[in-house]
Protein backbone atom coordinates (compact mmCIF):
# COMPACT_ATOMS: atom_id res chain seq x y z
CA MET A 1 -58.78 4.35 9.70
CA ASP A 2 -57.08 7.14 11.66
CA ASP A 3 -56.33 10.01 9.25
CA ALA A 4 -53.13 10.80 11.15
CA ALA A 5 -51.76 7.37 10.27
CA ILE A 6 -51.04 8.49 6.71
CA PRO A 7 -48.13 10.94 6.35
CA GLU A 8 -49.07 13.64 3.87
CA ARG A 9 -47.73 16.61 2.00
CA ASP A 10 -49.65 19.60 0.72
CA ASN A 11 -50.48 17.99 -2.65
CA ASP A 12 -51.63 14.79 -0.96
CA THR A 13 -53.87 16.74 1.39
CA ALA A 14 -55.40 18.76 -1.44
CA TRP A 15 -56.21 15.67 -3.52
CA ARG A 16 -57.63 13.71 -0.60
CA SER A 17 -59.83 16.66 0.34
CA ARG A 18 -61.09 17.04 -3.25
CA LEU A 19 -61.88 13.34 -3.59
CA ARG A 20 -63.57 13.09 -0.21
CA ARG A 21 -65.80 16.08 -0.94
CA ALA A 22 -66.72 14.68 -4.36
CA LEU A 23 -67.75 11.39 -2.76
CA GLU A 24 -69.64 12.77 0.22
CA GLY A 25 -73.07 11.37 0.91
CA ALA A 26 -74.80 8.43 -0.70
CA PRO A 27 -73.75 7.66 -4.29
CA PRO A 28 -76.23 8.50 -7.05
CA ALA A 29 -78.52 5.78 -8.34
CA ALA A 30 -76.97 2.90 -10.28
CA VAL A 31 -75.79 3.80 -13.75
CA GLY A 32 -76.18 1.74 -16.88
CA GLY A 33 -72.45 1.39 -17.25
CA ASP A 34 -71.44 -0.18 -20.54
CA HIS A 35 -74.69 -2.16 -20.69
CA PRO A 36 -77.70 0.15 -20.23
CA GLY A 37 -79.99 -2.80 -20.85
CA LEU A 38 -79.17 -4.10 -17.36
CA THR A 39 -80.85 -1.13 -15.69
CA GLY A 40 -83.71 -2.49 -13.61
CA GLU A 41 -82.37 -6.06 -13.87
CA ARG A 42 -80.33 -6.04 -10.68
CA SER A 43 -81.48 -9.53 -9.64
CA ALA A 44 -80.01 -11.02 -12.82
CA ALA A 45 -76.58 -9.50 -12.25
CA HIS A 46 -73.71 -10.91 -10.16
CA ALA A 47 -72.81 -8.68 -7.20
CA ALA A 48 -69.18 -7.55 -7.28
CA ALA A 49 -67.00 -4.85 -5.72
CA VAL A 50 -63.71 -3.17 -6.61
CA LEU A 51 -61.28 -0.90 -4.85
CA ILE A 52 -59.91 2.14 -6.67
CA PRO A 53 -56.65 2.48 -4.70
CA VAL A 54 -55.22 6.02 -4.72
CA VAL A 55 -51.73 5.98 -3.23
CA ALA A 56 -50.72 9.01 -1.17
CA ALA A 57 -47.45 10.28 -2.65
CA PRO A 58 -45.92 13.65 -3.62
CA GLU A 59 -47.83 13.05 -6.88
CA PRO A 60 -50.67 10.65 -5.95
CA PHE A 61 -51.31 7.74 -8.30
CA ILE A 62 -53.88 4.98 -8.82
CA TRP A 63 -52.91 1.34 -8.71
CA PHE A 64 -54.15 -0.90 -11.52
CA THR A 65 -53.61 -4.60 -12.03
CA GLN A 66 -53.12 -6.54 -15.23
CA ARG A 67 -54.91 -9.83 -14.85
CA SER A 68 -52.97 -13.04 -15.38
CA ALA A 69 -53.21 -14.56 -18.84
CA ALA A 70 -54.05 -17.86 -17.13
CA LEU A 71 -57.34 -16.62 -15.68
CA ARG A 72 -60.59 -17.90 -17.14
CA HIS A 73 -62.37 -14.55 -17.10
CA HIS A 74 -60.92 -11.43 -18.77
CA PRO A 75 -57.31 -12.73 -19.02
CA GLY A 76 -54.69 -10.06 -19.57
CA GLN A 77 -57.09 -7.16 -19.06
CA ILE A 78 -56.33 -4.15 -16.88
CA SER A 79 -58.61 -3.72 -13.90
CA PHE A 80 -58.94 -2.53 -10.32
CA PRO A 81 -58.50 -5.07 -7.52
CA GLY A 82 -61.87 -6.68 -6.91
CA GLY A 83 -64.24 -9.53 -7.55
CA ARG A 84 -67.52 -11.14 -6.51
CA VAL A 85 -69.20 -10.32 -3.23
CA GLU A 86 -69.25 -13.61 -1.36
CA ALA A 87 -71.78 -14.81 1.21
CA PHE A 88 -69.18 -14.52 3.98
CA ASP A 89 -68.42 -10.84 3.21
CA ALA A 90 -70.04 -8.40 5.64
CA ASP A 91 -70.92 -6.14 2.70
CA ALA A 92 -69.62 -4.97 -0.68
CA ARG A 93 -67.07 -2.67 0.92
CA ALA A 94 -65.62 -5.58 2.89
CA ALA A 95 -65.47 -7.59 -0.34
CA ALA A 96 -63.52 -4.85 -2.11
CA LEU A 97 -60.97 -4.68 0.71
CA ARG A 98 -60.72 -8.48 0.92
CA GLU A 99 -60.13 -8.82 -2.82
CA ALA A 100 -57.45 -6.11 -2.75
CA GLN A 101 -55.67 -7.98 0.03
CA GLU A 102 -55.93 -11.31 -1.80
CA GLU A 103 -54.90 -9.98 -5.21
CA ILE A 104 -52.12 -7.49 -4.38
CA GLY A 105 -51.42 -7.95 -0.68
CA LEU A 106 -52.87 -4.57 0.30
CA ALA A 107 -53.77 -4.79 3.98
CA PRO A 108 -57.10 -3.11 4.89
CA HIS A 109 -55.50 -1.08 7.68
CA HIS A 110 -53.51 0.78 5.01
CA VAL A 111 -56.71 1.95 3.30
CA GLU A 112 -59.05 4.80 4.18
CA ILE A 113 -62.31 4.49 2.22
CA LEU A 114 -63.18 7.99 0.97
CA GLY A 115 -66.52 7.03 -0.54
CA GLU A 116 -68.42 5.01 -3.10
CA LEU A 117 -69.30 5.53 -6.75
CA PRO A 118 -72.60 4.46 -8.33
CA GLU A 119 -73.06 0.76 -9.02
CA TYR A 120 -71.72 -0.04 -12.47
CA ARG A 121 -73.44 -2.63 -14.70
CA THR A 122 -71.41 -4.55 -17.28
CA VAL A 123 -72.08 -6.46 -20.49
CA THR A 124 -70.96 -9.60 -18.67
CA SER A 125 -73.83 -9.25 -16.16
CA PHE A 126 -71.93 -7.93 -13.17
CA ALA A 127 -73.25 -5.18 -10.89
CA ILE A 128 -70.05 -3.62 -9.51
CA ARG A 129 -69.83 -1.44 -6.40
CA PRO A 130 -66.68 0.76 -6.73
CA TYR A 131 -65.01 2.14 -3.57
CA VAL A 132 -62.32 4.81 -3.65
CA GLY A 133 -59.55 4.17 -1.12
CA TRP A 134 -56.76 6.48 0.04
CA VAL A 135 -53.70 4.27 0.53
CA ASP A 136 -50.87 4.78 2.98
CA PRO A 137 -47.65 5.14 0.92
CA LEU A 138 -45.96 2.72 3.33
CA ALA A 139 -48.11 0.02 1.75
CA ALA A 140 -45.99 0.21 -1.41
CA ALA A 141 -43.19 -1.61 0.38
CA GLU A 142 -45.54 -4.38 1.53
CA VAL A 143 -47.78 -5.19 -1.42
CA ALA A 144 -47.12 -8.47 -3.16
CA PRO A 145 -49.36 -9.35 -6.12
CA ASP A 146 -50.65 -12.92 -6.26
CA GLU A 147 -48.93 -14.34 -9.34
CA MET A 148 -51.84 -16.70 -10.01
CA GLU A 149 -54.21 -13.75 -10.50
CA VAL A 150 -52.08 -10.69 -11.23
CA ALA A 151 -49.44 -10.43 -13.95
CA ARG A 152 -48.31 -6.99 -12.75
CA LEU A 153 -49.24 -4.01 -10.63
CA PHE A 154 -48.61 -0.49 -11.94
CA GLY A 155 -49.53 3.10 -11.19
CA VAL A 156 -51.10 5.89 -13.24
CA PRO A 157 -50.74 9.47 -11.95
CA LEU A 158 -54.03 10.64 -10.46
CA GLU A 159 -53.85 13.97 -12.26
CA TYR A 160 -53.48 12.17 -15.60
CA ALA A 161 -56.23 9.64 -14.86
CA LEU A 162 -58.73 12.37 -13.93
CA ASP A 163 -58.25 14.47 -17.06
CA HIS A 164 -61.18 14.16 -19.47
CA ARG A 165 -58.89 14.93 -22.42
CA HIS A 166 -57.33 11.48 -22.06
CA PHE A 167 -60.61 9.58 -22.44
CA ARG A 168 -62.38 8.46 -25.59
CA ARG A 169 -65.28 6.16 -26.50
CA GLU A 170 -64.70 3.02 -28.53
CA PRO A 171 -67.13 0.43 -29.92
CA ILE A 172 -67.30 -3.19 -28.78
CA GLU A 173 -69.65 -6.00 -29.75
CA ARG A 174 -71.14 -8.59 -27.40
CA GLY A 175 -73.83 -11.11 -28.27
CA GLY A 176 -74.53 -9.46 -31.58
CA ARG A 177 -75.06 -6.03 -29.96
CA ARG A 178 -72.78 -3.04 -30.23
CA TYR A 179 -71.84 -0.81 -27.30
CA ARG A 180 -69.59 2.18 -26.80
CA VAL A 181 -67.26 2.06 -23.81
CA TYR A 182 -64.75 4.45 -22.31
CA SER A 183 -61.02 3.91 -22.74
CA ILE A 184 -57.84 5.67 -21.67
CA ASP A 185 -54.19 4.96 -22.52
CA TYR A 186 -51.18 5.56 -20.32
CA ALA A 187 -47.71 4.63 -21.56
CA ASP A 188 -48.25 1.15 -23.07
CA ASN A 189 -51.33 0.44 -20.98
CA HIS A 190 -54.77 0.35 -22.62
CA ILE A 191 -57.47 0.72 -19.96
CA TRP A 192 -61.00 0.21 -21.23
CA GLY A 193 -64.48 -1.05 -20.50
CA ALA A 194 -65.81 -1.13 -16.94
CA THR A 195 -62.47 -0.07 -15.43
CA ALA A 196 -62.24 3.04 -17.60
CA GLY A 197 -65.95 3.67 -17.12
CA MET A 198 -65.68 3.67 -13.33
CA LEU A 199 -62.61 5.88 -13.53
CA TYR A 200 -64.54 8.31 -15.72
CA GLY A 201 -67.33 8.19 -13.13
CA LEU A 202 -64.89 9.43 -10.50
CA LEU A 203 -63.75 12.19 -12.85
CA ASP A 204 -67.38 13.16 -13.44
CA ARG A 205 -68.15 13.36 -9.70
CA LEU A 206 -65.10 15.56 -9.16
CA ALA A 207 -65.89 17.80 -12.14
CA THR A 208 -69.52 18.19 -11.03
CA LEU A 209 -68.44 19.25 -7.53
CA GLU A 210 -65.89 21.74 -8.73
CA ALA A 211 -68.17 23.20 -11.38
CA GLY A 212 -70.65 23.86 -8.59
CA ASP A 213 -67.96 25.45 -6.47
CA ASP A 214 -67.00 27.74 -9.35
CA GLY A 215 -70.63 28.73 -9.77
CA ARG A 216 -71.02 29.58 -6.10
CA CYS A 217 -67.83 31.63 -6.19
CA ALA A 218 -68.99 33.47 -9.31
CA GLY A 219 -72.34 34.15 -7.71
CA GLY A 220 -70.80 35.84 -4.74
């Protein structure tokens, strides 16, 4: 996508630059996610992809969806747009963009992919490829969530979502085993599990980059 297609202000530019730098290069090796036992069991997991849509605005924000209560899997939960990688998808990135268009009406030409986070494994046997997208603010006037899949679409300020002080770990139990997953609350929204874990992964990449920058500055 042509960078000039997205009108920006100073804060937008600073955030996009920070995120792009944090995501440069190939993502690190797959992480255990909320189910470390899946490490090394890639063939047993279902391939999936999500888009983490960061909307360019005076104060950038991330779009989240609340899944419809009528859905069979994870009804009512908060998530990023995404789903299974299908045989007809060119790759996982294409699947993430397709799912975002199907679920919330976000056209791919409004999205600039800044990079990819490590594959995230879940307790429900999904291997998720998360892509961070910078979204043209004009898209806000065009998105239209699919009511069959999405109960609502809402935003969380990027600065809030990437603050480690807002995260905590909470226990869950699946199949007689206990795990600890990340969670974060914003207003009345409880974001937890894989979605919060991937969000924390983005925070970690950004913090690692900027800690290194500070070290280089301190060293001369």
